[in-house]
Protein backbone atom coordinates (compact mmCIF):
# COMPACT_ATOMS: atom_id res chain seq x y z
CA MET A 1 9.90 32.26 -26.86
CA SER A 2 12.26 30.80 -29.28
CA GLU A 3 12.47 32.06 -32.95
CA PHE A 4 11.60 27.99 -33.71
CA ILE A 5 10.11 25.24 -31.96
CA SER A 6 8.72 21.61 -32.46
CA LEU A 7 5.14 20.62 -33.36
CA ARG A 8 5.15 18.99 -29.49
CA GLU A 9 5.96 23.41 -28.01
CA MET A 10 3.27 24.02 -30.80
CA GLN A 11 0.88 21.81 -29.06
CA LEU A 12 1.50 23.18 -25.15
CA GLN A 13 1.05 26.51 -26.09
CA VAL A 14 -1.83 25.85 -27.75
CA ASP A 15 -3.04 23.75 -24.75
CA ASN A 16 -2.02 26.25 -22.37
CA TRP A 17 -4.25 28.83 -23.74
CA VAL A 18 -7.39 27.16 -24.60
CA SER A 19 -7.26 25.33 -20.94
CA GLN A 20 -8.12 28.84 -19.37
CA PHE A 21 -11.63 28.12 -21.17
CA THR A 22 -14.92 25.76 -19.85
CA PRO A 23 -15.03 23.84 -22.32
CA SER A 24 -11.23 23.89 -22.90
CA TYR A 25 -11.73 22.20 -26.20
CA TRP A 26 -15.02 21.86 -28.94
CA PRO A 27 -16.08 18.89 -29.97
CA PRO A 28 -14.11 17.86 -33.01
CA LEU A 29 -17.07 18.69 -35.66
CA SER A 30 -17.04 22.13 -34.22
CA ILE A 31 -12.86 22.33 -34.66
CA LEU A 32 -13.27 20.93 -38.23
CA ALA A 33 -15.68 23.38 -38.75
CA GLN A 34 -13.67 26.22 -37.95
CA THR A 35 -10.78 24.79 -39.67
CA ILE A 36 -13.06 24.80 -42.82
CA GLU A 37 -13.79 28.11 -42.03
CA GLU A 38 -9.99 29.32 -41.63
CA THR A 39 -9.18 27.78 -44.94
CA GLY A 40 -11.80 29.37 -46.72
CA GLU A 41 -10.59 32.80 -45.19
CA LEU A 42 -6.92 31.49 -46.92
CA ALA A 43 -8.30 30.59 -50.44
CA ARG A 44 -10.31 34.36 -50.43
CA ASN A 45 -7.37 36.14 -49.92
CA LEU A 46 -5.25 33.91 -52.42
CA ASN A 47 -7.83 33.91 -55.23
CA ASN A 48 -8.30 37.97 -54.61
CA MET A 49 -4.04 37.85 -54.88
CA TYR A 50 -3.69 35.43 -57.94
CA GLY A 51 -7.09 34.43 -59.19
CA GLY A 52 -9.31 35.73 -61.28
CA ARG A 53 -12.07 36.73 -58.66
CA VAL A 54 -12.30 40.56 -58.60
CA LYS A 55 -12.08 41.68 -54.50
CA LYS A 56 -15.06 42.82 -53.19
CA GLN A 57 -14.95 45.88 -51.18
CA ALA A 58 -15.66 44.57 -47.75
CA ASP A 59 -12.97 42.02 -48.28
CA GLU A 60 -10.27 42.26 -45.78
CA LEU A 61 -6.83 41.31 -47.40
CA ARG A 62 -5.29 39.62 -44.90
CA ASN A 63 -1.73 38.15 -45.32
CA LEU A 64 -1.12 34.79 -45.82
CA GLU A 65 1.20 33.99 -42.73
CA SER A 66 -1.62 34.60 -40.52
CA GLU A 67 -4.74 32.60 -42.57
CA ILE A 68 -1.95 29.69 -42.79
CA CYS A 69 -1.37 30.09 -38.87
CA ASP A 70 -5.46 30.10 -38.05
CA ILE A 71 -5.29 26.65 -40.12
CA ILE A 72 -2.58 25.42 -37.97
CA PHE A 73 -3.90 26.65 -34.63
CA SER A 74 -7.50 25.11 -35.46
CA LEU A 75 -5.58 21.11 -36.14
CA VAL A 76 -3.45 21.71 -33.74
CA CYS A 77 -6.65 21.86 -31.30
CA LEU A 78 -8.31 19.20 -33.44
CA ALA A 79 -5.06 17.37 -32.88
CA ASN A 80 -4.82 17.83 -28.82
CA SER A 81 -8.12 16.81 -28.11
CA SER A 82 -8.10 13.81 -30.07
CA ASN A 83 -4.78 13.01 -28.01
CA ILE A 84 -3.00 13.05 -30.78
CA ASP A 85 1.54 13.49 -30.63
CA LEU A 86 2.29 15.42 -33.94
CA ASN A 87 5.72 14.87 -33.71
CA LYS A 88 5.00 11.02 -33.86
CA ALA A 89 2.61 11.48 -36.33
CA TRP A 90 4.78 13.76 -38.73
CA LYS A 91 7.92 11.98 -38.73
CA GLU A 92 5.71 8.78 -39.37
CA THR A 93 4.02 10.96 -42.08
CA ILE A 94 6.95 12.08 -44.11
CA SER A 95 8.57 8.82 -43.78
CA LYS A 96 5.88 7.54 -45.79
CA ARG A 97 6.16 10.42 -48.34
CA CYS A 98 10.05 10.15 -48.69
CA ASN A 99 9.79 6.12 -48.97
CA ARG A 100 6.07 5.58 -51.18
CA ASP A 101 6.68 8.65 -53.39
CA LYS A 102 10.76 9.00 -53.89
CA ASN A 103 10.13 8.39 -57.37
CA ARG A 104 6.30 9.64 -57.83
CA TYR A 105 7.31 12.99 -59.41
CA GLU A 106 10.08 14.17 -61.88
CA LYS A 107 12.98 15.33 -59.85
CA ASN A 108 14.87 18.33 -60.07
CA ASN A 109 18.41 18.07 -61.25
CA ASN A 110 19.76 21.39 -59.82
CA LEU A 111 19.94 20.23 -56.43
């Protein structure tokens, strides 16, 4: 496996794994619920690490990379189940940000 993969490759890896099960993809609302659960786990970890929340003894502190990738996995499942090409969608999204928001924020003069 190469060090870097495209969004398309990511979608193919997820599809290859998910396709071995029946049903291969959950309904979209179930995938969204899973994404929200994973986002909550990331939020709990961030709050335990940087927030004012006192960590419960039962709270397992997982690394942020794992939590973020769990969210990405579930979002790729949602994209795949909806036949969305993430490469195409990303190009449109980043183009929109670069054009629409180019003067929205204060520029970093150190670049």
